C-alpha atoms as a PDB file:
ATOM      1  CA  MET A   1     120.710  83.547 108.457  1.00  0.00           C
ATOM      2  CA  THR A   2     120.224  79.812 108.630  1.00  0.00           C
ATOM      3  CA  GLY A   3     119.667  77.594 105.626  1.00  0.00           C
ATOM      4  CA  ARG A   4     116.753  75.581 107.007  1.00  0.00           C
ATOM      5  CA  ARG A   5     113.940  78.083 107.356  1.00  0.00           C
ATOM      6  CA  ARG A   6     111.939  79.939 104.756  1.00  0.00           C
ATOM      7  CA  LEU A   7     113.320  83.275 103.610  1.00  0.00           C
ATOM      8  CA  ALA A   8     111.305  86.460 102.986  1.00  0.00           C
ATOM      9  CA  VAL A   9     112.398  89.836 101.642  1.00  0.00           C
ATOM     10  CA  VAL A  10     110.286  92.826 102.718  1.00  0.00           C
ATOM     11  CA  THR A  11     110.942  96.293 101.287  1.00  0.00           C
ATOM     12  CA  GLY A  12     109.899  99.418 103.134  1.00  0.00           C
ATOM     13  CA  ALA A  13     110.097  97.359 106.307  1.00  0.00           C
ATOM     14  CA  SER A  14     111.181  99.961 108.852  1.00  0.00           C
ATOM     15  CA  ARG A  15     107.706 101.177 109.822  1.00  0.00           C
ATOM     16  CA  GLY A  16     103.985 101.010 109.052  1.00  0.00           C
ATOM     17  CA  LEU A  17     102.665  98.133 107.008  1.00  0.00           C
ATOM     18  CA  GLY A  18     106.110  96.747 106.174  1.00  0.00           C
ATOM     19  CA  ALA A  19     107.026  96.462 109.856  1.00  0.00           C
ATOM     20  CA  ALA A  20     103.682  94.827 110.669  1.00  0.00           C
ATOM     21  CA  ILE A  21     104.208  92.234 107.936  1.00  0.00           C
ATOM     22  CA  ALA A  22     107.770  91.617 109.125  1.00  0.00           C
ATOM     23  CA  ARG A  23     106.553  90.979 112.675  1.00  0.00           C
ATOM     24  CA  LEU A  24     104.043  88.413 111.436  1.00  0.00           C
ATOM     25  CA  LEU A  25     106.662  86.691 109.295  1.00  0.00           C
ATOM     26  CA  ALA A  26     108.999  86.495 112.272  1.00  0.00           C
ATOM     27  CA  ARG A  27     106.215  84.823 114.266  1.00  0.00           C
ATOM     28  CA  GLU A  28     105.723  82.450 111.321  1.00  0.00           C
ATOM     29  CA  ARG A  29     109.422  81.538 111.632  1.00  0.00           C
ATOM     30  CA  TYR A  30     110.629  83.068 108.398  1.00  0.00           C
ATOM     31  CA  ASP A  31     114.197  84.257 108.134  1.00  0.00           C
ATOM     32  CA  LEU A  32     114.015  87.889 107.046  1.00  0.00           C
ATOM     33  CA  LEU A  33     115.944  90.252 104.820  1.00  0.00           C
ATOM     34  CA  LEU A  34     114.516  93.711 105.460  1.00  0.00           C
ATOM     35  CA  THR A  35     115.152  96.847 103.423  1.00  0.00           C
ATOM     36  CA  ALA A  36     114.271 100.513 103.901  1.00  0.00           C
ATOM     37  CA  ARG A  37     115.759 103.927 103.231  1.00  0.00           C
ATOM     38  CA  GLU A  38     116.279 104.937 106.887  1.00  0.00           C
ATOM     39  CA  PRO A  39     119.114 102.906 108.473  1.00  0.00           C
ATOM     40  CA  ARG A  40     118.297 103.760 112.105  1.00  0.00           C
ATOM     41  CA  ALA A  41     114.605 102.900 111.800  1.00  0.00           C
ATOM     42  CA  LEU A  42     115.508  99.717 109.924  1.00  0.00           C
ATOM     43  CA  GLN A  43     117.922  98.640 112.642  1.00  0.00           C
ATOM     44  CA  ALA A  44     115.285  99.353 115.288  1.00  0.00           C
ATOM     45  CA  ILE A  45     112.757  96.943 113.764  1.00  0.00           C
ATOM     46  CA  ALA A  46     115.503  94.373 113.164  1.00  0.00           C
ATOM     47  CA  THR A  47     116.528  94.557 116.824  1.00  0.00           C
ATOM     48  CA  GLU A  48     112.896  94.160 117.885  1.00  0.00           C
ATOM     49  CA  LEU A  49     112.439  91.068 115.722  1.00  0.00           C
ATOM     50  CA  ARG A  50     115.695  89.511 116.875  1.00  0.00           C
ATOM     51  CA  GLY A  51     114.391  89.954 120.405  1.00  0.00           C
ATOM     52  CA  MET A  52     111.450  87.771 119.340  1.00  0.00           C
ATOM     53  CA  GLY A  53     113.906  85.088 118.246  1.00  0.00           C
ATOM     54  CA  GLY A  54     113.850  86.035 114.580  1.00  0.00           C
ATOM     55  CA  CYS A  55     116.814  85.692 112.233  1.00  0.00           C
ATOM     56  CA  VAL A  56     117.022  89.084 110.537  1.00  0.00           C
ATOM     57  CA  ALA A  57     119.421  90.695 108.069  1.00  0.00           C
ATOM     58  CA  THR A  58     119.105  94.251 106.765  1.00  0.00           C
ATOM     59  CA  ARG A  59     120.107  96.239 103.705  1.00  0.00           C
ATOM     60  CA  SER A  60     119.384  99.954 103.887  1.00  0.00           C
ATOM     61  CA  GLY A  61     118.863 101.853 100.656  1.00  0.00           C
ATOM     62  CA  ASP A  62     116.402 103.063  98.045  1.00  0.00           C
ATOM     63  CA  VAL A  63     114.689 100.407  95.925  1.00  0.00           C
ATOM     64  CA  ALA A  64     114.895 102.836  93.002  1.00  0.00           C
ATOM     65  CA  ASP A  65     118.706 102.526  93.157  1.00  0.00           C
ATOM     66  CA  PRO A  66     120.002  99.619  91.026  1.00  0.00           C
ATOM     67  CA  ARG A  67     123.002  99.229  93.354  1.00  0.00           C
ATOM     68  CA  HIS A  68     120.709  98.662  96.311  1.00  0.00           C
ATOM     69  CA  ARG A  69     118.674  96.097  94.394  1.00  0.00           C
ATOM     70  CA  ARG A  70     121.847  94.256  93.427  1.00  0.00           C
ATOM     71  CA  ALA A  71     122.945  94.215  97.083  1.00  0.00           C
ATOM     72  CA  VAL A  72     119.609  92.682  98.095  1.00  0.00           C
ATOM     73  CA  ALA A  73     119.874  90.093  95.324  1.00  0.00           C
ATOM     74  CA  ALA A  74     123.444  89.203  96.317  1.00  0.00           C
ATOM     75  CA  ALA A  75     122.355  88.561  99.906  1.00  0.00           C
ATOM     76  CA  VAL A  76     119.509  86.320  98.723  1.00  0.00           C
ATOM     77  CA  ARG A  77     121.656  84.375  96.286  1.00  0.00           C
ATOM     78  CA  GLY A  78     123.820  83.339  99.220  1.00  0.00           C
ATOM     79  CA  ARG A  79     120.813  81.339 100.417  1.00  0.00           C
ATOM     80  CA  GLY A  80     120.023  79.855  97.007  1.00  0.00           C
ATOM     81  CA  ARG A  81     116.255  80.242  97.271  1.00  0.00           C
ATOM     82  CA  LEU A  82     113.617  82.816  98.178  1.00  0.00           C
ATOM     83  CA  ASP A  83     110.143  81.926  99.430  1.00  0.00           C
ATOM     84  CA  LEU A  84     108.512  85.356  99.626  1.00  0.00           C
ATOM     85  CA  LEU A  85     109.131  88.833  98.218  1.00  0.00           C
ATOM     86  CA  VAL A  86     106.936  91.643  99.558  1.00  0.00           C
ATOM     87  CA  ASN A  87     107.280  94.781  97.422  1.00  0.00           C
ATOM     88  CA  ASN A  88     105.933  97.210 100.004  1.00  0.00           C
ATOM     89  CA  ALA A  89     108.203 100.256  99.563  1.00  0.00           C
ATOM     90  CA  SER A  90     106.224 103.085  97.962  1.00  0.00           C
ATOM     91  CA  GLU A  91     106.593 106.751  97.095  1.00  0.00           C
ATOM     92  CA  LEU A  92     103.601 109.049  97.582  1.00  0.00           C
ATOM     93  CA  GLY A  93     104.908 111.946  95.525  1.00  0.00           C
ATOM     94  CA  PRO A  94     104.570 115.679  96.189  1.00  0.00           C
ATOM     95  CA  ALA A  95     102.459 116.739  99.160  1.00  0.00           C
ATOM     96  CA  PRO A  96      99.976 118.313  99.155  1.00  0.00           C
ATOM     97  CA  LEU A  97      98.934 116.049  96.302  1.00  0.00           C
ATOM     98  CA  PRO A  98      98.808 118.098  93.082  1.00  0.00           C
ATOM     99  CA  PRO A  99      96.344 117.681  90.210  1.00  0.00           C
ATOM    100  CA  LEU A 100      97.835 115.971  87.197  1.00  0.00           C
ATOM    101  CA  VAL A 101      97.798 119.157  85.119  1.00  0.00           C
ATOM    102  CA  ASP A 102     100.215 120.688  87.647  1.00  0.00           C
ATOM    103  CA  TYR A 103     102.167 117.531  88.515  1.00  0.00           C
ATOM    104  CA  PRO A 104     105.959 118.072  88.306  1.00  0.00           C
ATOM    105  CA  LEU A 105     107.089 115.520  85.738  1.00  0.00           C
ATOM    106  CA  PRO A 106     110.440 114.727  87.423  1.00  0.00           C
ATOM    107  CA  ALA A 107     108.480 113.886  90.580  1.00  0.00           C
ATOM    108  CA  LEU A 108     106.098 111.691  88.585  1.00  0.00           C
ATOM    109  CA  GLU A 109     109.026 109.856  87.031  1.00  0.00           C
ATOM    110  CA  HIS A 110     110.402 109.170  90.522  1.00  0.00           C
ATOM    111  CA  VAL A 111     107.035 107.870  91.756  1.00  0.00           C
ATOM    112  CA  LEU A 112     106.879 105.514  88.782  1.00  0.00           C
ATOM    113  CA  ARG A 113     110.459 104.354  89.366  1.00  0.00           C
ATOM    114  CA  VAL A 114     109.797 103.496  93.021  1.00  0.00           C
ATOM    115  CA  ASN A 115     106.269 102.107  92.746  1.00  0.00           C
ATOM    116  CA  ALA A 116     106.331 100.251  89.418  1.00  0.00           C
ATOM    117  CA  VAL A 117     109.832  99.937  87.964  1.00  0.00           C
ATOM    118  CA  ALA A 118     111.605  98.958  91.194  1.00  0.00           C
ATOM    119  CA  PRO A 119     109.248  96.060  92.072  1.00  0.00           C
ATOM    120  CA  LEU A 120     109.673  94.671  88.552  1.00  0.00           C
ATOM    121  CA  ALA A 121     113.436  95.140  88.753  1.00  0.00           C
ATOM    122  CA  LEU A 122     113.564  93.228  92.044  1.00  0.00           C
ATOM    123  CA  VAL A 123     111.601  90.360  90.502  1.00  0.00           C
ATOM    124  CA  GLN A 124     114.097  90.334  87.633  1.00  0.00           C
ATOM    125  CA  GLU A 125     117.051  90.299  90.039  1.00  0.00           C
ATOM    126  CA  LEU A 126     115.501  87.594  92.233  1.00  0.00           C
ATOM    127  CA  ALA A 127     113.827  85.408  89.600  1.00  0.00           C
ATOM    128  CA  ASP A 128     116.236  82.492  89.974  1.00  0.00           C
ATOM    129  CA  PRO A 129     115.999  82.215  93.796  1.00  0.00           C
ATOM    130  CA  LEU A 130     112.228  82.732  93.587  1.00  0.00           C
ATOM    131  CA  ALA A 131     112.004  79.883  91.095  1.00  0.00           C
ATOM    132  CA  ALA A 132     114.158  77.685  93.346  1.00  0.00           C
ATOM    133  CA  GLY A 133     111.834  78.403  96.271  1.00  0.00           C
ATOM    134  CA  ARG A 134     108.593  78.269  94.254  1.00  0.00           C
ATOM    135  CA  GLY A 135     108.234  81.723  95.693  1.00  0.00           C
ATOM    136  CA  LEU A 136     105.396  84.196  96.061  1.00  0.00           C
ATOM    137  CA  VAL A 137     105.699  87.858  95.051  1.00  0.00           C
ATOM    138  CA  VAL A 138     103.325  90.236  96.836  1.00  0.00           C
ATOM    139  CA  ASN A 139     103.016  93.699  95.297  1.00  0.00           C
ATOM    140  CA  ILE A 140     101.340  96.295  97.520  1.00  0.00           C
ATOM    141  CA  THR A 141      98.785  98.321  95.578  1.00  0.00           C
ATOM    142  CA  SER A 142      96.018 100.800  96.410  1.00  0.00           C
ATOM    143  CA  ASP A 143      92.432 101.613  95.551  1.00  0.00           C
ATOM    144  CA  ALA A 144      93.914 104.749  93.985  1.00  0.00           C
ATOM    145  CA  ALA A 145      94.911 102.483  91.084  1.00  0.00           C
ATOM    146  CA  SER A 146      91.318 102.556  89.872  1.00  0.00           C
ATOM    147  CA  GLY A 147      89.638 105.282  91.922  1.00  0.00           C
ATOM    148  CA  ALA A 148      90.571 108.313  89.772  1.00  0.00           C
ATOM    149  CA  TYR A 149      90.651 110.405  92.954  1.00  0.00           C
ATOM    150  CA  PRO A 150      91.568 114.066  92.380  1.00  0.00           C
ATOM    151  CA  GLY A 151      95.146 114.644  93.504  1.00  0.00           C
ATOM    152  CA  TRP A 152      95.977 110.954  93.541  1.00  0.00           C
ATOM    153  CA  GLY A 153      96.622 110.617  89.797  1.00  0.00           C
ATOM    154  CA  GLY A 154     100.391 110.237  89.969  1.00  0.00           C
ATOM    155  CA  TYR A 155     100.384 107.713  92.804  1.00  0.00           C
ATOM    156  CA  GLY A 156      97.343 105.926  91.364  1.00  0.00           C
ATOM    157  CA  ALA A 157      98.917 105.653  87.917  1.00  0.00           C
ATOM    158  CA  SER A 158     102.001 104.019  89.425  1.00  0.00           C
ATOM    159  CA  LYS A 159      99.884 101.481  91.290  1.00  0.00           C
ATOM    160  CA  ALA A 160      97.729 100.788  88.217  1.00  0.00           C
ATOM    161  CA  ALA A 161     100.945 100.043  86.329  1.00  0.00           C
ATOM    162  CA  LEU A 162     102.070  97.772  89.168  1.00  0.00           C
ATOM    163  CA  GLU A 163      98.793  95.826  89.039  1.00  0.00           C
ATOM    164  CA  LEU A 164      99.137  95.224  85.293  1.00  0.00           C
ATOM    165  CA  LEU A 165     102.748  94.171  85.789  1.00  0.00           C
ATOM    166  CA  SER A 166     101.628  91.787  88.538  1.00  0.00           C
ATOM    167  CA  ARG A 167      98.963  90.080  86.426  1.00  0.00           C
ATOM    168  CA  THR A 168     101.317  89.751  83.472  1.00  0.00           C
ATOM    169  CA  LEU A 169     104.165  88.402  85.590  1.00  0.00           C
ATOM    170  CA  ALA A 170     101.811  85.842  87.115  1.00  0.00           C
ATOM    171  CA  ARG A 171     101.125  84.446  83.657  1.00  0.00           C
ATOM    172  CA  GLU A 172     104.671  84.694  82.372  1.00  0.00           C
ATOM    173  CA  LEU A 173     106.281  83.130  85.445  1.00  0.00           C
ATOM    174  CA  ALA A 174     103.789  80.311  85.990  1.00  0.00           C
ATOM    175  CA  GLY A 175     106.062  77.904  84.168  1.00  0.00           C
ATOM    176  CA  ARG A 176     108.845  78.706  86.631  1.00  0.00           C
ATOM    177  CA  ARG A 177     106.457  78.149  89.577  1.00  0.00           C
ATOM    178  CA  ILE A 178     106.704  81.749  90.726  1.00  0.00           C
ATOM    179  CA  SER A 179     103.389  83.173  91.919  1.00  0.00           C
ATOM    180  CA  VAL A 180     102.479  86.876  91.920  1.00  0.00           C
ATOM    181  CA  VAL A 181      99.591  88.692  93.633  1.00  0.00           C
ATOM    182  CA  SER A 182      98.574  92.284  94.332  1.00  0.00           C
ATOM    183  CA  VAL A 183      97.284  93.360  97.747  1.00  0.00           C
ATOM    184  CA  ASP A 184      95.430  96.574  98.568  1.00  0.00           C
ATOM    185  CA  PRO A 185      95.851  97.035 102.343  1.00  0.00           C
ATOM    186  CA  GLY A 186      93.192  99.757 102.539  1.00  0.00           C
ATOM    187  CA  ASP A 187      93.423 103.095 104.339  1.00  0.00           C
ATOM    188  CA  LEU A 188      95.796 102.875 107.282  1.00  0.00           C
ATOM    189  CA  ARG A 189      97.179 105.169 109.949  1.00  0.00           C
ATOM    190  CA  THR A 190     100.686 105.476 108.528  1.00  0.00           C
ATOM    191  CA  ALA A 191     103.223 108.223 107.914  1.00  0.00           C
ATOM    192  CA  MET A 192     102.545 108.055 104.169  1.00  0.00           C
ATOM    193  CA  HIS A 193      98.811 108.436 104.651  1.00  0.00           C
ATOM    194  CA  GLN A 194      99.387 111.370 106.987  1.00  0.00           C
ATOM    195  CA  ALA A 195     101.617 113.005 104.362  1.00  0.00           C
ATOM    196  CA  ALA A 196      98.750 112.743 101.893  1.00  0.00           C
ATOM    197  CA  PHE A 197      96.533 114.719 104.282  1.00  0.00           C
ATOM    198  CA  PRO A 198      98.824 117.316 105.867  1.00  0.00           C
ATOM    199  CA  GLY A 199      97.380 118.945 108.943  1.00  0.00           C
ATOM    200  CA  GLN A 200      94.395 116.590 109.079  1.00  0.00           C
ATOM    201  CA  ASP A 201      93.564 114.172 111.871  1.00  0.00           C
ATOM    202  CA  ILE A 202      93.762 110.607 110.529  1.00  0.00           C
ATOM    203  CA  SER A 203      93.359 108.909 113.903  1.00  0.00           C
ATOM    204  CA  ASP A 204      90.124 107.317 112.670  1.00  0.00           C
ATOM    205  CA  ARG A 205      92.143 105.123 110.297  1.00  0.00           C
ATOM    206  CA  PRO A 206      93.151 101.722 111.656  1.00  0.00           C
ATOM    207  CA  THR A 207      96.754 100.794 112.319  1.00  0.00           C
ATOM    208  CA  PRO A 208      98.475  98.359 109.931  1.00  0.00           C
ATOM    209  CA  GLU A 209      97.874  95.529 112.405  1.00  0.00           C
ATOM    210  CA  VAL A 210      94.246  95.410 111.233  1.00  0.00           C
ATOM    211  CA  THR A 211      95.531  93.565 108.139  1.00  0.00           C
ATOM    212  CA  ILE A 212      97.219  90.754 110.087  1.00  0.00           C
ATOM    213  CA  PRO A 213      94.308  88.265 109.740  1.00  0.00           C
ATOM    214  CA  PHE A 214      94.540  88.647 105.974  1.00  0.00           C
ATOM    215  CA  TRP A 215      98.301  88.086 105.899  1.00  0.00           C
ATOM    216  CA  GLY A 216      97.997  85.058 108.144  1.00  0.00           C
ATOM    217  CA  TRP A 217      95.468  83.617 105.697  1.00  0.00           C
ATOM    218  CA  LEU A 218      97.463  84.489 102.563  1.00  0.00           C
ATOM    219  CA  LEU A 219     100.660  82.830 103.752  1.00  0.00           C
ATOM    220  CA  HIS A 220      98.923  79.474 103.984  1.00  0.00           C
ATOM    221  CA  GLN A 221      97.195  79.479 100.583  1.00  0.00           C
ATOM    222  CA  ASP A 222      98.127  77.347  97.593  1.00  0.00           C
ATOM    223  CA  ARG A 223     100.344  79.861  95.818  1.00  0.00           C
ATOM    224  CA  THR A 224      99.706  78.599  92.320  1.00  0.00           C
ATOM    225  CA  ALA A 225      95.944  78.763  92.923  1.00  0.00           C
ATOM    226  CA  ILE A 226      96.001  82.435  93.953  1.00  0.00           C
ATOM    227  CA  SER A 227      98.593  83.684  91.459  1.00  0.00           C
ATOM    228  CA  GLY A 228      97.397  86.609  89.373  1.00  0.00           C
ATOM    229  CA  GLN A 229      94.723  87.676  91.849  1.00  0.00           C
ATOM    230  CA  ARG A 230      94.174  91.019  93.575  1.00  0.00           C
ATOM    231  CA  PHE A 231      93.240  91.051  97.257  1.00  0.00           C
ATOM    232  CA  ARG A 232      91.807  93.668  99.643  1.00  0.00           C
ATOM    233  CA  ALA A 233      93.187  93.150 103.129  1.00  0.00           C
ATOM    234  CA  GLN A 234      90.396  95.014 104.946  1.00  0.00           C
ATOM    235  CA  ALA A 235      87.411  93.862 102.897  1.00  0.00           C
ATOM    236  CA  ASP A 236      84.739  91.459 104.095  1.00  0.00           C
ATOM    237  CA  ARG A 237      85.740  89.353 101.106  1.00  0.00           C
ATOM    238  CA  TRP A 238      89.479  89.483 100.545  1.00  0.00           C
ATOM    239  CA  GLU A 239      89.503  88.397  96.912  1.00  0.00           C
ATOM    240  CA  LEU A 240      88.374  91.047  94.427  1.00  0.00           C
ATOM    241  CA  PRO A 241      85.604  89.560  92.277  1.00  0.00           C
ATOM    242  CA  ALA A 242      86.599  89.113  88.630  1.00  0.00           C
END
């Protein structure tokens, strides 16, 4: 990776929303460090983006694994600064989605580790390069964080925790010029969404590319002005009213 261009880290980047965001960032001339659990799928998207002229590095692994997070942080520290961290990697939990009264607690603990603890841990690992780059942290959330949908309690609780972490980090890190936002991408035609509805036809959901206008807008905002906010990428009005 070169030292002249902006650097972005995207987790869960091998498919779905993460891959769509990575493609946009490549078009925006970001250097990219992409992570995901599946090495072959990760290499496939990296090869695609390099074919577009992008400068792409990869680190395969699970964001819930501290060793993987340290490997990501070590790669970023070699650059000295980080402009954008997109915490997109998420864990749905057991499928079919169980009610909370029947939710296996080890599975719930894993969902919380991936969806809430890991994004915070990555911010901790990358705080110095984010401060050097006056960086933006984007945490991917869901309407399940507040919807109280039957079956979605475990996943929703993890995203509600992530939203509170995001708002608190935005306040705590303002003095270091690190900005933090939450983004709800809306229902999308992804493998995770299909897993939530096994056997059902979800072809009526839009592909992740429907969110590209939002991401194009977000990347060019004053980061300090938007820090602490929650956005809805498919809404008529992207900012959630206070």
